[in-house]
Amino acid sequence: MSSRIHINSFEELFRNNYAKLCHFAFQFLKDEDVAKDIVQETFTTFWDSQQSLQVEPNAISSFLYASVRNACLNKLRRLKLENGYLNNQEADPFEEAIGLNSMIRSEVIAELHKAITTLPKNCQLIFRMGYLEGLKNPQIAAELGISINTVKTQKKRGLELIKMRVNPDFLALALILLAHQQ
């Protein structure tokens, strides 16, 4: 029996993980284009190496995150070498913790975005503007040409709907991460 993933499954794997992995890589590199390149290279390498890898389906996500993390760290080390900052020192002991934090942040943000897409259209728009873009209620009202009370009502409605769809601890973590992101 072949361990190679079917093309449709690979496309689904790519769709479900690409944005999360790009966000994860961006946390390291602070360069969106380089992050996208690394994620694309990781998927290409994964696809090409499936014949030699014995990867359990549940381990694929972990494998992809580890591959992206390692590629990002290698890229950062190369940049340090190119800039003359690396003086034969070992890797920063905090790199692993930073990687784990970035992976958790990426997963939490992805789950929150998934929950937000289930909101009604107008509620979703106002929720994104208020909680993700950090706009104040008067700014949202002015931009959309609606009353501040409508904005408040839609934000409250959105939060209530999100609370019903997501674990409360998860929601608290997501809101903390979003607060520190702005």
Protein backbone atom coordinates (compact mmCIF):
# COMPACT_ATOMS: atom_id res chain seq x y z
CA MET A 1 0.00 0.00 0.00
CA SER A 2 1.41 3.37 -1.00
CA SER A 3 1.87 6.08 1.61
CA ARG A 4 1.60 8.82 -1.03
CA ILE A 5 -1.22 11.32 -0.45
CA HIS A 6 -3.82 11.54 -3.20
CA ILE A 7 -3.67 14.83 -5.16
CA ASN A 8 -7.10 15.98 -3.95
CA SER A 9 -6.05 15.30 -0.37
CA PHE A 10 -2.82 17.22 -0.95
CA GLU A 11 -4.77 20.19 -2.34
CA GLU A 12 -7.02 20.12 0.72
CA LEU A 13 -3.97 19.84 2.99
CA PHE A 14 -2.47 22.86 1.22
CA ARG A 15 -5.71 24.90 1.44
CA ASN A 16 -6.19 24.08 5.13
CA ASN A 17 -2.62 24.84 6.18
CA TYR A 18 -1.08 27.36 3.78
CA ALA A 19 -2.34 30.55 5.46
CA LYS A 20 -1.57 29.27 8.97
CA LEU A 21 1.93 28.26 7.97
CA CYS A 22 2.54 31.60 6.22
CA HIS A 23 1.48 33.44 9.37
CA PHE A 24 3.71 31.11 11.41
CA ALA A 25 6.73 31.76 9.15
CA PHE A 26 6.04 35.50 9.16
CA GLN A 27 6.35 35.50 12.97
CA PHE A 28 9.99 34.51 12.51
CA LEU A 29 10.96 36.38 9.37
CA LYS A 30 8.85 39.56 9.39
CA ASP A 31 8.87 39.33 5.58
CA GLU A 32 5.66 38.14 3.95
CA ASP A 33 7.21 37.19 0.60
CA VAL A 34 10.02 35.17 2.15
CA ALA A 35 7.52 33.49 4.49
CA LYS A 36 5.33 32.48 1.51
CA ASP A 37 8.38 31.17 -0.36
CA ILE A 38 9.41 29.01 2.59
CA VAL A 39 5.91 27.58 3.01
CA GLN A 40 5.64 26.80 -0.70
CA GLU A 41 9.08 25.14 -0.63
CA THR A 42 8.00 23.11 2.41
CA PHE A 43 4.90 21.82 0.60
CA THR A 44 6.97 21.02 -2.50
CA THR A 45 9.54 19.15 -0.41
CA PHE A 46 6.78 17.31 1.44
CA TRP A 47 5.13 16.29 -1.84
CA ASP A 48 8.43 15.18 -3.38
CA SER A 49 9.56 13.22 -0.34
CA GLN A 50 6.35 11.32 0.36
CA GLN A 51 7.75 8.16 -1.24
CA SER A 52 10.55 8.03 1.33
CA LEU A 53 8.59 9.34 4.32
CA GLN A 54 6.34 7.19 6.42
CA VAL A 55 4.14 9.98 7.75
CA GLU A 56 1.01 9.26 9.74
CA PRO A 57 -1.87 11.48 8.61
CA ASN A 58 -2.18 12.98 12.12
CA ALA A 59 1.52 13.87 12.14
CA ILE A 60 1.47 15.77 8.84
CA SER A 61 0.55 19.12 10.44
CA SER A 62 3.31 18.75 13.04
CA PHE A 63 5.74 17.76 10.31
CA LEU A 64 4.82 20.83 8.24
CA TYR A 65 5.15 23.19 11.21
CA ALA A 66 8.51 21.68 12.16
CA SER A 67 9.73 21.92 8.57
CA VAL A 68 8.64 25.56 8.25
CA ARG A 69 10.17 26.42 11.64
CA ASN A 70 13.47 24.80 10.70
CA ALA A 71 13.52 26.50 7.31
CA CYS A 72 12.84 29.87 8.96
CA LEU A 73 15.56 29.36 11.56
CA ASN A 74 17.99 28.30 8.83
CA LYS A 75 17.08 31.41 6.83
CA LEU A 76 17.64 33.62 9.87
CA ARG A 77 21.01 31.97 10.56
CA ARG A 78 22.04 32.49 6.94
CA LEU A 79 21.04 36.15 7.19
CA LYS A 80 23.06 36.51 10.39
CA LEU A 81 26.06 34.94 8.70
CA GLU A 82 25.68 37.19 5.68
CA ASN A 83 25.54 40.22 7.92
CA GLY A 84 28.48 39.06 10.04
CA TYR A 85 26.52 38.82 13.28
CA LEU A 86 26.92 35.14 13.96
CA ASN A 87 30.24 34.51 15.69
CA ASN A 88 30.22 30.71 15.83
CA GLN A 89 27.60 30.80 18.59
CA GLU A 90 25.07 28.09 19.18
CA ALA A 91 21.41 28.67 18.41
CA ASP A 92 19.54 31.02 20.69
CA PRO A 93 18.03 28.94 23.53
CA PHE A 94 14.78 30.86 23.18
CA GLU A 95 14.27 29.97 19.49
CA GLU A 96 12.32 26.83 20.39
CA ALA A 97 10.00 28.74 22.75
CA ILE A 98 9.49 31.47 20.15
CA GLY A 99 8.65 28.81 17.56
CA LEU A 100 6.10 27.14 19.82
CA ASN A 101 4.53 30.50 20.69
CA SER A 102 4.28 31.39 17.01
CA MET A 103 2.72 28.03 16.17
CA ILE A 104 0.11 28.41 18.91
CA ARG A 105 -0.64 31.98 17.83
CA SER A 106 -1.09 30.87 14.21
CA GLU A 107 -3.45 28.05 15.18
CA VAL A 108 -5.52 30.25 17.51
CA ILE A 109 -5.83 33.05 14.96
CA ALA A 110 -6.77 30.54 12.24
CA GLU A 111 -9.50 29.02 14.42
CA LEU A 112 -10.83 32.45 15.32
CA HIS A 113 -10.96 33.45 11.64
CA LYS A 114 -12.79 30.20 10.87
CA ALA A 115 -15.38 30.99 13.56
CA ILE A 116 -15.75 34.57 12.30
CA THR A 117 -16.60 33.33 8.81
CA THR A 118 -19.71 31.67 10.27
CA LEU A 119 -21.14 35.04 11.35
CA PRO A 120 -23.79 36.83 9.27
CA LYS A 121 -22.18 39.07 6.63
CA ASN A 122 -22.73 42.51 8.25
CA CYS A 123 -21.97 41.18 11.71
CA GLN A 124 -18.78 39.60 10.36
CA LEU A 125 -17.68 42.87 8.75
CA ILE A 126 -18.25 44.92 11.90
CA PHE A 127 -16.63 42.23 14.09
CA ARG A 128 -13.51 42.19 11.88
CA MET A 129 -13.28 45.98 11.80
CA GLY A 130 -13.69 46.29 15.56
CA TYR A 131 -11.75 43.34 16.90
CA LEU A 132 -9.23 42.50 14.19
CA GLU A 133 -8.50 45.91 12.68
CA GLY A 134 -8.84 47.72 16.02
CA LEU A 135 -11.19 50.44 14.79
CA LYS A 136 -13.28 52.29 17.38
CA ASN A 137 -17.08 52.22 17.22
CA PRO A 138 -17.38 55.81 15.86
CA GLN A 139 -14.84 55.02 13.12
CA ILE A 140 -16.77 51.90 12.09
CA ALA A 141 -20.08 53.77 12.13
CA ALA A 142 -18.67 56.59 9.99
CA GLU A 143 -17.02 54.24 7.51
CA LEU A 144 -20.15 52.10 7.07
CA GLY A 145 -22.65 54.95 7.35
CA ILE A 146 -24.55 53.36 10.25
CA SER A 147 -25.30 54.39 13.83
CA ILE A 148 -22.92 53.73 16.71
CA ASN A 149 -25.69 51.73 18.40
CA THR A 150 -25.87 49.42 15.37
CA VAL A 151 -22.11 48.92 15.59
CA LYS A 152 -22.33 48.13 19.31
CA THR A 153 -25.24 45.73 18.75
CA GLN A 154 -23.46 43.90 15.89
CA LYS A 155 -20.20 43.60 17.84
CA LYS A 156 -22.07 42.24 20.85
CA ARG A 157 -24.05 39.83 18.66
CA GLY A 158 -20.87 38.66 16.94
CA LEU A 159 -19.11 38.05 20.24
CA GLU A 160 -22.09 36.08 21.56
CA LEU A 161 -22.20 33.91 18.43
CA ILE A 162 -18.43 33.33 18.56
CA LYS A 163 -18.72 32.37 22.25
CA MET A 164 -21.28 29.70 21.32
CA ARG A 165 -19.00 28.27 18.62
CA VAL A 166 -15.66 28.28 20.45
CA ASN A 167 -14.35 27.00 23.77
CA PRO A 168 -14.36 29.94 26.26
CA ASP A 169 -10.70 29.37 27.23
CA PHE A 170 -9.77 29.37 23.55
CA LEU A 171 -11.69 32.60 22.99
CA ALA A 172 -9.93 34.27 25.92
CA LEU A 173 -6.55 33.25 24.51
CA ALA A 174 -7.54 34.50 21.04
CA LEU A 175 -8.61 37.89 22.39
CA ILE A 176 -5.36 38.22 24.39
CA LEU A 177 -3.33 37.41 21.29
CA LEU A 178 -5.30 39.91 19.22
CA ALA A 179 -4.82 42.61 21.86
CA HIS A 180 -1.04 42.11 21.77
CA GLN A 181 -1.01 42.01 17.96
CA GLN A 182 -2.31 45.59 17.64
